[in-house]
N, C-alpha and C. Protein backbone atom coordinates (compact mmCIF):
# COMPACT_ATOMS: atom_id res chain seq x y z
N MET A 1 -1.15 -23.57 -24.54
CA MET A 1 -0.78 -22.13 -25.49
C MET A 1 -1.75 -21.20 -25.40
N LYS A 2 -1.83 -20.07 -24.91
CA LYS A 2 -3.09 -19.29 -25.26
C LYS A 2 -2.96 -18.06 -26.03
N ILE A 3 -3.73 -18.12 -26.64
CA ILE A 3 -4.37 -17.15 -28.45
C ILE A 3 -5.57 -16.07 -27.67
N GLU A 4 -4.94 -14.58 -28.11
CA GLU A 4 -5.75 -14.04 -27.55
C GLU A 4 -6.50 -13.61 -29.16
N PHE A 5 -8.21 -13.56 -28.66
CA PHE A 5 -8.87 -13.01 -30.33
C PHE A 5 -9.98 -11.76 -29.85
N THR A 6 -10.01 -11.11 -31.07
CA THR A 6 -11.58 -10.31 -30.68
C THR A 6 -12.43 -10.74 -30.35
N LYS A 7 -13.35 -10.30 -30.05
CA LYS A 7 -14.60 -10.79 -30.07
C LYS A 7 -15.63 -11.45 -31.45
N LYS A 8 -15.03 -10.35 -32.09
CA LYS A 8 -15.57 -10.73 -33.60
C LYS A 8 -14.80 -12.17 -34.24
N GLU A 9 -13.52 -12.40 -33.76
CA GLU A 9 -12.81 -13.27 -34.60
C GLU A 9 -13.47 -14.66 -33.74
N PHE A 10 -13.51 -14.09 -32.14
CA PHE A 10 -14.13 -15.29 -31.98
C PHE A 10 -15.73 -15.58 -32.24
N LYS A 11 -16.39 -14.68 -32.74
CA LYS A 11 -17.48 -14.90 -33.31
C LYS A 11 -17.56 -16.29 -34.55
N TYR A 12 -16.50 -16.02 -35.36
CA TYR A 12 -16.24 -16.79 -36.53
C TYR A 12 -15.62 -18.30 -36.12
N LEU A 13 -14.78 -18.00 -35.25
CA LEU A 13 -14.04 -19.32 -34.36
C LEU A 13 -15.36 -20.08 -34.15
N GLN A 14 -16.34 -19.49 -33.13
CA GLN A 14 -17.36 -20.55 -33.28
C GLN A 14 -17.92 -21.48 -34.03
N ASN A 15 -18.45 -20.60 -35.28
CA ASN A 15 -18.45 -21.17 -36.24
C ASN A 15 -18.04 -22.27 -36.83
N VAL A 16 -16.55 -21.65 -36.70
CA VAL A 16 -15.45 -23.61 -37.47
C VAL A 16 -16.05 -24.38 -36.02
N GLY A 17 -16.28 -24.09 -34.99
CA GLY A 17 -16.29 -25.04 -33.75
C GLY A 17 -17.84 -25.87 -34.42
N SER A 18 -18.51 -25.80 -34.77
CA SER A 18 -19.33 -26.65 -35.46
C SER A 18 -18.79 -27.74 -36.11
N PHE A 19 -17.67 -27.72 -36.52
CA PHE A 19 -17.32 -29.14 -37.33
C PHE A 19 -15.78 -29.73 -35.74
N THR A 20 -15.93 -29.09 -35.02
CA THR A 20 -14.57 -29.68 -33.80
C THR A 20 -15.25 -29.22 -32.18
N ASP A 21 -15.06 -30.01 -31.72
CA ASP A 21 -15.73 -29.84 -30.55
C ASP A 21 -14.42 -29.21 -29.90
N LEU A 22 -13.60 -28.40 -30.14
CA LEU A 22 -12.51 -28.11 -29.38
C LEU A 22 -12.36 -26.39 -29.05
N ILE A 23 -13.27 -25.90 -29.98
CA ILE A 23 -13.76 -24.17 -29.64
C ILE A 23 -14.83 -24.05 -28.53
N PRO A 24 -14.28 -23.23 -27.34
CA PRO A 24 -15.49 -23.11 -26.70
C PRO A 24 -16.93 -22.63 -27.05
N SER A 25 -17.64 -22.58 -26.54
CA SER A 25 -19.19 -21.72 -27.00
C SER A 25 -18.83 -20.54 -26.19
N VAL A 26 -18.23 -20.61 -24.92
CA VAL A 26 -18.00 -19.05 -24.33
C VAL A 26 -16.79 -19.23 -23.82
N ALA A 27 -16.16 -17.97 -23.78
CA ALA A 27 -14.86 -18.10 -23.38
C ALA A 27 -14.53 -16.76 -22.93
N PRO A 28 -13.73 -16.54 -21.31
CA PRO A 28 -13.71 -14.85 -20.83
C PRO A 28 -13.72 -14.04 -21.99
N ILE A 29 -14.21 -12.72 -21.54
CA ILE A 29 -13.44 -11.54 -22.07
C ILE A 29 -13.10 -10.34 -21.39
N GLU A 30 -11.75 -10.49 -21.50
CA GLU A 30 -11.10 -9.27 -20.82
C GLU A 30 -10.29 -8.30 -21.62
N ASN A 31 -10.82 -7.00 -21.15
CA ASN A 31 -10.16 -5.78 -22.41
C ASN A 31 -10.60 -5.73 -23.75
N ASP A 32 -11.79 -6.79 -23.99
CA ASP A 32 -12.44 -6.90 -25.24
C ASP A 32 -11.82 -7.80 -25.83
N LYS A 33 -11.00 -8.95 -25.38
CA LYS A 33 -10.52 -9.87 -26.11
C LYS A 33 -10.92 -10.91 -25.18
N VAL A 34 -10.83 -12.00 -26.33
CA VAL A 34 -11.17 -13.36 -25.49
C VAL A 34 -10.16 -14.52 -25.45
N THR A 35 -9.79 -14.90 -24.71
CA THR A 35 -8.31 -15.64 -24.62
C THR A 35 -8.70 -16.92 -24.63
N ILE A 36 -8.49 -18.04 -25.53
CA ILE A 36 -8.36 -19.44 -25.59
C ILE A 36 -7.17 -20.31 -25.26
N GLU A 37 -7.14 -21.10 -24.68
CA GLU A 37 -5.66 -21.81 -23.98
C GLU A 37 -6.38 -23.17 -24.47
N MET A 38 -5.33 -23.90 -25.23
CA MET A 38 -5.45 -25.11 -25.89
C MET A 38 -4.11 -25.71 -25.67
N SER A 39 -3.96 -26.75 -26.36
CA SER A 39 -2.48 -27.68 -26.24
C SER A 39 -2.18 -27.33 -27.71
N LEU A 40 -0.82 -27.53 -28.06
CA LEU A 40 -0.41 -27.14 -29.25
C LEU A 40 -1.25 -28.19 -30.60
N ASP A 41 -1.02 -29.16 -30.24
CA ASP A 41 -1.73 -30.48 -31.07
C ASP A 41 -3.77 -29.88 -31.17
N ASP A 42 -4.03 -29.71 -30.16
CA ASP A 42 -5.30 -28.96 -30.54
C ASP A 42 -5.43 -27.53 -31.38
N TRP A 43 -4.34 -26.65 -30.87
CA TRP A 43 -4.49 -25.55 -31.89
C TRP A 43 -4.21 -26.10 -33.58
N ASP A 44 -3.52 -27.23 -33.66
CA ASP A 44 -2.67 -27.18 -35.15
C ASP A 44 -4.06 -28.03 -36.05
N GLU A 45 -4.61 -28.62 -35.04
CA GLU A 45 -6.33 -29.22 -35.62
C GLU A 45 -7.54 -28.27 -35.96
N VAL A 46 -7.85 -27.25 -34.91
CA VAL A 46 -8.36 -26.42 -35.08
C VAL A 46 -8.16 -25.60 -36.46
N ASN A 47 -7.24 -25.11 -36.39
CA ASN A 47 -6.21 -23.98 -37.55
C ASN A 47 -6.60 -24.99 -38.96
N GLY A 48 -6.72 -26.44 -38.97
CA GLY A 48 -7.14 -26.95 -40.07
C GLY A 48 -8.53 -27.11 -40.51
N PHE A 49 -9.12 -26.70 -39.46
CA PHE A 49 -10.86 -26.69 -39.85
C PHE A 49 -10.57 -25.00 -40.14
N VAL A 50 -10.22 -23.85 -39.18
CA VAL A 50 -10.44 -22.65 -39.66
C VAL A 50 -9.86 -22.36 -41.43
N ALA A 51 -8.91 -23.41 -41.54
CA ALA A 51 -8.23 -23.11 -43.33
C ALA A 51 -9.38 -23.73 -44.06
N ALA A 52 -9.92 -24.85 -43.85
CA ALA A 52 -11.21 -25.57 -44.67
C ALA A 52 -12.30 -24.14 -44.58
N VAL A 53 -12.78 -23.87 -43.38
CA VAL A 53 -13.74 -23.25 -43.56
C VAL A 53 -13.37 -21.79 -44.25
N CYS A 54 -12.55 -20.97 -43.95
CA CYS A 54 -11.83 -19.74 -44.75
C CYS A 54 -12.06 -20.47 -46.32
N ASN A 55 -11.45 -21.40 -46.88
CA ASN A 55 -11.22 -21.70 -48.40
C ASN A 55 -12.67 -21.99 -49.17
N HIS A 56 -13.21 -22.07 -48.21
CA HIS A 56 -15.19 -22.78 -48.85
C HIS A 56 -15.90 -21.20 -48.66
N SER A 57 -15.23 -20.45 -47.61
CA SER A 57 -16.32 -18.90 -47.81
C SER A 57 -16.59 -18.44 -48.49
N GLU A 58 -18.23 -18.16 -48.57
CA GLU A 58 -18.36 -17.29 -50.04
C GLU A 58 -18.85 -15.62 -49.66
N SER A 59 -18.41 -15.73 -48.13
CA SER A 59 -18.18 -14.43 -47.60
C SER A 59 -16.91 -13.80 -47.07
N PRO A 60 -16.51 -13.02 -47.99
CA PRO A 60 -15.44 -12.23 -48.38
C PRO A 60 -15.14 -11.64 -46.86
N THR A 61 -16.10 -10.85 -45.52
CA THR A 61 -16.00 -10.77 -44.66
C THR A 61 -15.34 -12.02 -43.29
N GLU A 62 -16.11 -12.89 -43.96
CA GLU A 62 -15.66 -14.14 -43.23
C GLU A 62 -14.46 -14.99 -43.43
N GLU A 63 -13.80 -14.59 -45.02
CA GLU A 63 -12.72 -15.46 -45.27
C GLU A 63 -11.60 -14.24 -44.74
N LYS A 64 -11.41 -13.18 -44.71
CA LYS A 64 -10.66 -12.20 -44.56
C LYS A 64 -10.44 -12.12 -42.99
N VAL A 65 -11.30 -12.23 -42.09
CA VAL A 65 -11.27 -12.60 -40.42
C VAL A 65 -10.69 -13.70 -40.15
N LEU A 66 -11.05 -14.99 -40.82
CA LEU A 66 -10.48 -16.49 -40.85
C LEU A 66 -9.32 -16.25 -41.58
N ASP A 67 -9.10 -15.58 -42.70
CA ASP A 67 -7.56 -15.66 -42.54
C ASP A 67 -6.66 -15.02 -41.74
N GLU A 68 -6.85 -14.02 -41.14
CA GLU A 68 -6.19 -13.51 -39.95
C GLU A 68 -6.23 -14.52 -38.38
N VAL A 69 -7.03 -14.96 -38.12
CA VAL A 69 -7.16 -16.03 -37.06
C VAL A 69 -6.41 -17.20 -37.73
N PHE A 70 -6.16 -17.36 -38.89
CA PHE A 70 -5.59 -18.67 -39.00
C PHE A 70 -3.64 -18.34 -39.20
N PHE A 71 -3.53 -16.97 -39.99
CA PHE A 71 -2.59 -16.60 -39.79
C PHE A 71 -1.76 -16.14 -38.32
N ARG A 72 -2.38 -16.06 -37.32
CA ARG A 72 -2.10 -15.37 -36.01
C ARG A 72 -1.90 -17.34 -35.22
N ILE A 73 -2.44 -18.00 -35.22
CA ILE A 73 -2.65 -18.79 -34.69
C ILE A 73 -1.34 -19.68 -35.47
N GLN A 74 -1.18 -19.76 -36.74
CA GLN A 74 -0.02 -20.28 -37.38
C GLN A 74 1.47 -19.63 -36.24
N ASP A 75 1.43 -18.76 -36.56
CA ASP A 75 2.41 -17.85 -36.12
C ASP A 75 2.93 -18.32 -34.84
N ARG A 76 1.59 -18.63 -33.91
CA ARG A 76 1.98 -18.92 -32.28
C ARG A 76 2.53 -20.48 -32.10
N ILE A 77 2.24 -21.32 -33.00
CA ILE A 77 2.84 -22.44 -33.17
C ILE A 77 3.62 -22.43 -34.04
N GLN A 78 4.66 -22.00 -34.41
CA GLN A 78 5.67 -22.03 -35.00
C GLN A 78 6.67 -21.32 -34.31
N GLN A 79 6.05 -20.39 -33.34
CA GLN A 79 7.06 -19.77 -32.23
C GLN A 79 7.13 -20.82 -31.09
N THR A 80 6.54 -22.12 -31.21
CA THR A 80 6.77 -22.84 -29.89
C THR A 80 7.73 -23.77 -29.98
């Protein structure tokens, strides 16, 4: 399952990646979008880490970006 992110969102996902090895450290950028492909189970696991980091964030910007990322991933999971 592929999901597109902005470069800014990908930067925040890389921070989440310090908790899991599922987030790539680099990804191809096309039309200012970063596309990451993983299995449904991997996306579900990553989204748990995104939620945890978001809920413990002291940065309103990080919280806002990760909220958007969380709901995008959640929507894609539910569509499958």
